[in-house]
Amino acid sequence: MATVPTVNGVPVVMPPPDGYVVDFDNPQRNSVTEAYWLFGDSARGIMGTHSWEMPLTKFMLFLKALYQLPILYNPVQCGAKLSLLLVYRKLAPRRWYHVSVWLVGVVVVGSSVAVMFAAIFACTPVRSAWDLTITDGTCIDRPALYQATAILGAITDILVLAVPIPITITLQVSLKHKIIVLTAFGIGGV
């Protein structure tokens, strides 16, 4: 176990600046109101608190929640995209269209599963992703993983939004109605 800085006998993430008086019961806060607006009551005691006024155990709870977010988000995002694709599948009986819907679905599921497993096993041992007391663990470049997740999400969003375009363009309706239909699909994809 690595040497963890302590303040008043409490392990913290980092030592306070020289001359700073730490008060765990009444820590100085930054942007607390904004944190509550964004994260609700779950921000209590974590958001806006200086790292030297937050016990290590509380910070590790925050890291554990942060670790779980992409793992929980990816299946939900995948399900939303697949539900749109299932609706799109009913738009036209043409085989090429069904194949394109299924191909996009495979890309969506494949990228979601890959990102989810990369997020789960980003560190070895897995616990070292949130447990700062584990010093012999190794992690992949997690910011790069988050960027790759965003890029894959954007690509699959574009693919899902593009699927109904060929069918909509061939509709025997006015240009105005085609634009309305494409806009409706676009809003559904957001």
Protein backbone atom coordinates (compact mmCIF):
# COMPACT_ATOMS: atom_id res chain seq x y z
CA MET A 1 0.00 0.00 0.00
CA ALA A 2 1.34 3.40 -0.96
CA THR A 3 1.81 6.21 1.47
CA VAL A 4 -1.41 8.17 1.47
CA PRO A 5 -1.38 11.75 2.74
CA THR A 6 -3.25 12.24 5.98
CA VAL A 7 -4.78 15.32 7.50
CA ASN A 8 -5.73 15.21 11.18
CA GLY A 9 -5.31 11.42 11.02
CA VAL A 10 -7.71 11.07 8.07
CA PRO A 11 -6.38 9.73 4.74
CA VAL A 12 -7.03 12.21 1.91
CA VAL A 13 -6.38 12.28 -1.83
CA MET A 14 -3.77 15.01 -1.64
CA PRO A 15 -2.25 17.18 1.05
CA PRO A 16 -3.63 20.69 1.58
CA PRO A 17 -1.68 23.76 0.53
CA ASP A 18 0.66 25.22 3.11
CA GLY A 19 -1.20 27.26 5.70
CA TYR A 20 -4.63 25.87 4.78
CA VAL A 21 -6.69 24.80 7.79
CA VAL A 22 -8.70 21.69 6.94
CA ASP A 23 -12.17 21.34 8.46
CA PHE A 24 -13.81 18.04 7.50
CA ASP A 25 -17.06 19.01 9.21
CA ASN A 26 -17.40 22.32 7.33
CA PRO A 27 -15.27 22.13 4.19
CA GLN A 28 -14.92 25.13 1.92
CA ARG A 29 -16.93 24.58 -1.22
CA ASN A 30 -16.76 25.73 -4.82
CA SER A 31 -19.74 25.73 -7.19
CA VAL A 32 -21.97 23.79 -4.79
CA THR A 33 -25.20 25.21 -6.19
CA GLU A 34 -24.23 24.25 -9.72
CA ALA A 35 -23.25 20.76 -8.55
CA TYR A 36 -26.68 20.27 -6.97
CA TRP A 37 -28.38 21.48 -10.14
CA LEU A 38 -26.40 19.01 -12.23
CA PHE A 39 -26.18 15.99 -9.94
CA GLY A 40 -28.90 16.44 -7.32
CA ASP A 41 -28.45 15.20 -3.79
CA SER A 42 -25.84 12.66 -4.88
CA ALA A 43 -23.39 15.57 -5.05
CA ARG A 44 -23.60 16.11 -1.30
CA GLY A 45 -20.19 15.96 0.31
CA ILE A 46 -18.34 15.28 -2.92
CA MET A 47 -18.94 17.88 -5.60
CA GLY A 48 -17.31 21.20 -4.94
CA THR A 49 -15.20 19.86 -2.07
CA HIS A 50 -11.44 20.30 -2.21
CA SER A 51 -9.64 16.98 -2.46
CA TRP A 52 -7.70 17.68 0.74
CA GLU A 53 -10.97 18.13 2.65
CA MET A 54 -12.48 14.89 1.41
CA PRO A 55 -11.63 11.65 3.18
CA LEU A 56 -10.12 9.08 0.85
CA THR A 57 -12.98 6.65 1.49
CA LYS A 58 -15.54 9.20 0.28
CA PHE A 59 -13.47 10.03 -2.78
CA MET A 60 -13.20 6.33 -3.65
CA LEU A 61 -17.02 6.07 -3.50
CA PHE A 62 -17.13 8.88 -6.05
CA LEU A 63 -14.58 7.07 -8.24
CA LYS A 64 -16.60 3.86 -8.00
CA ALA A 65 -19.73 5.67 -9.18
CA LEU A 66 -17.71 7.26 -11.97
CA TYR A 67 -16.44 3.80 -12.93
CA GLN A 68 -19.99 2.45 -13.17
CA LEU A 69 -21.42 5.22 -15.36
CA PRO A 70 -20.10 4.08 -18.77
CA ILE A 71 -20.91 0.47 -17.90
CA LEU A 72 -24.54 1.37 -17.25
CA TYR A 73 -24.83 3.99 -19.99
CA ASN A 74 -23.71 1.83 -22.92
CA PRO A 75 -26.48 -0.80 -22.75
CA VAL A 76 -29.11 1.93 -22.40
CA GLN A 77 -27.71 3.82 -25.37
CA CYS A 78 -27.52 0.61 -27.38
CA GLY A 79 -31.13 -0.26 -26.54
CA ALA A 80 -32.36 3.16 -27.63
CA LYS A 81 -30.59 2.88 -30.97
CA LEU A 82 -31.82 -0.67 -31.51
CA SER A 83 -35.39 0.37 -30.79
CA LEU A 84 -35.16 3.02 -33.51
CA LEU A 85 -33.69 0.46 -35.89
CA LEU A 86 -36.56 -1.93 -35.17
CA VAL A 87 -39.01 0.83 -36.05
CA TYR A 88 -37.04 1.61 -39.21
CA ARG A 89 -37.16 -2.05 -40.22
CA LYS A 90 -40.92 -1.77 -40.69
CA LEU A 91 -40.63 1.18 -43.08
CA ALA A 92 -39.97 -0.78 -46.25
CA PRO A 93 -40.17 -4.42 -47.33
CA ARG A 94 -37.08 -4.14 -49.53
CA ARG A 95 -34.36 -6.69 -48.78
CA TRP A 96 -31.45 -4.25 -49.21
CA TYR A 97 -33.07 -1.96 -46.68
CA HIS A 98 -33.52 -4.73 -44.11
CA VAL A 99 -29.90 -5.79 -44.61
CA SER A 100 -28.72 -2.22 -44.03
CA VAL A 101 -30.82 -1.97 -40.85
CA TRP A 102 -29.36 -5.23 -39.56
CA LEU A 103 -25.81 -4.18 -40.46
CA VAL A 104 -26.18 -0.92 -38.58
CA GLY A 105 -27.65 -2.89 -35.68
CA VAL A 106 -24.61 -5.17 -35.64
CA VAL A 107 -22.30 -2.14 -35.61
CA VAL A 108 -24.29 -0.57 -32.76
CA VAL A 109 -24.28 -3.74 -30.65
CA GLY A 110 -20.65 -4.53 -31.45
CA SER A 111 -19.39 -1.08 -30.53
CA SER A 112 -21.50 -0.98 -27.37
CA VAL A 113 -20.29 -4.38 -26.20
CA ALA A 114 -16.67 -3.50 -26.99
CA VAL A 115 -16.87 -0.21 -25.11
CA MET A 116 -18.63 -1.82 -22.17
CA PHE A 117 -16.00 -4.54 -21.78
CA ALA A 118 -13.20 -2.02 -22.27
CA ALA A 119 -14.73 0.09 -19.49
CA ILE A 120 -15.20 -2.89 -17.16
CA PHE A 121 -11.68 -4.24 -17.65
CA ALA A 122 -9.87 -0.93 -18.03
CA CYS A 123 -7.73 -1.72 -14.99
CA THR A 124 -6.05 -4.84 -13.67
CA PRO A 125 -7.14 -5.66 -11.05
CA VAL A 126 -10.54 -4.17 -11.81
CA ARG A 127 -10.80 -2.74 -8.29
CA SER A 128 -7.81 -0.48 -8.93
CA ALA A 129 -10.09 1.65 -11.13
CA TRP A 130 -11.57 3.20 -7.97
CA ASP A 131 -9.41 1.97 -5.09
CA LEU A 132 -6.49 4.36 -4.79
CA THR A 133 -4.83 2.19 -2.17
CA ILE A 134 -3.99 -0.40 -4.86
CA THR A 135 -0.66 0.74 -6.24
CA ASP A 136 0.43 -2.27 -8.26
CA GLY A 137 -2.55 -2.14 -10.64
CA THR A 138 -2.33 -1.01 -14.23
CA CYS A 139 -4.93 0.83 -16.28
CA ILE A 140 -5.33 1.63 -19.93
CA ASP A 141 -5.46 5.25 -20.99
CA ARG A 142 -8.99 5.92 -19.75
CA PRO A 143 -9.32 9.42 -21.25
CA ALA A 144 -8.56 7.82 -24.62
CA LEU A 145 -11.25 5.21 -23.89
CA TYR A 146 -13.76 7.96 -23.14
CA GLN A 147 -12.84 9.75 -26.36
CA ALA A 148 -13.20 6.52 -28.33
CA THR A 149 -16.57 5.97 -26.68
CA ALA A 150 -17.72 9.43 -27.75
CA ILE A 151 -16.46 8.93 -31.30
CA LEU A 152 -18.13 5.52 -31.63
CA GLY A 153 -21.32 6.96 -30.17
CA ALA A 154 -21.32 9.78 -32.71
CA ILE A 155 -20.61 7.41 -35.60
CA THR A 156 -23.40 5.03 -34.61
CA ASP A 157 -25.76 8.00 -34.09
CA ILE A 158 -25.05 9.16 -37.64
CA LEU A 159 -25.53 5.63 -38.99
CA VAL A 160 -28.86 5.23 -37.20
CA LEU A 161 -30.04 8.64 -38.39
CA ALA A 162 -28.97 7.88 -41.97
CA VAL A 163 -30.85 4.57 -42.25
CA PRO A 164 -34.30 5.99 -43.13
CA ILE A 165 -33.01 8.61 -45.58
CA PRO A 166 -33.03 6.42 -48.75
CA ILE A 167 -36.58 5.24 -48.12
CA THR A 168 -37.82 8.73 -47.27
CA ILE A 169 -36.31 10.23 -50.41
CA THR A 170 -38.15 7.72 -52.61
CA LEU A 171 -41.55 8.51 -51.08
CA GLN A 172 -44.13 9.79 -53.55
CA VAL A 173 -44.85 12.97 -51.59
CA SER A 174 -43.87 16.60 -51.88
CA LEU A 175 -40.43 17.82 -50.85
CA LYS A 176 -42.02 19.60 -47.90
CA HIS A 177 -43.45 16.33 -46.58
CA LYS A 178 -40.15 14.53 -47.12
CA ILE A 179 -38.41 17.20 -45.05
CA ILE A 180 -41.04 16.86 -42.33
CA VAL A 181 -40.60 13.08 -42.23
CA LEU A 182 -36.80 13.34 -42.13
CA THR A 183 -37.06 15.96 -39.38
CA ALA A 184 -39.30 13.65 -37.37
CA PHE A 185 -36.78 10.83 -37.73
CA GLY A 186 -34.00 13.23 -36.77
CA ILE A 187 -35.83 14.35 -33.65
CA GLY A 188 -36.45 10.73 -32.73
CA GLY A 189 -32.74 10.07 -33.02
CA VAL A 190 -31.84 12.84 -30.62
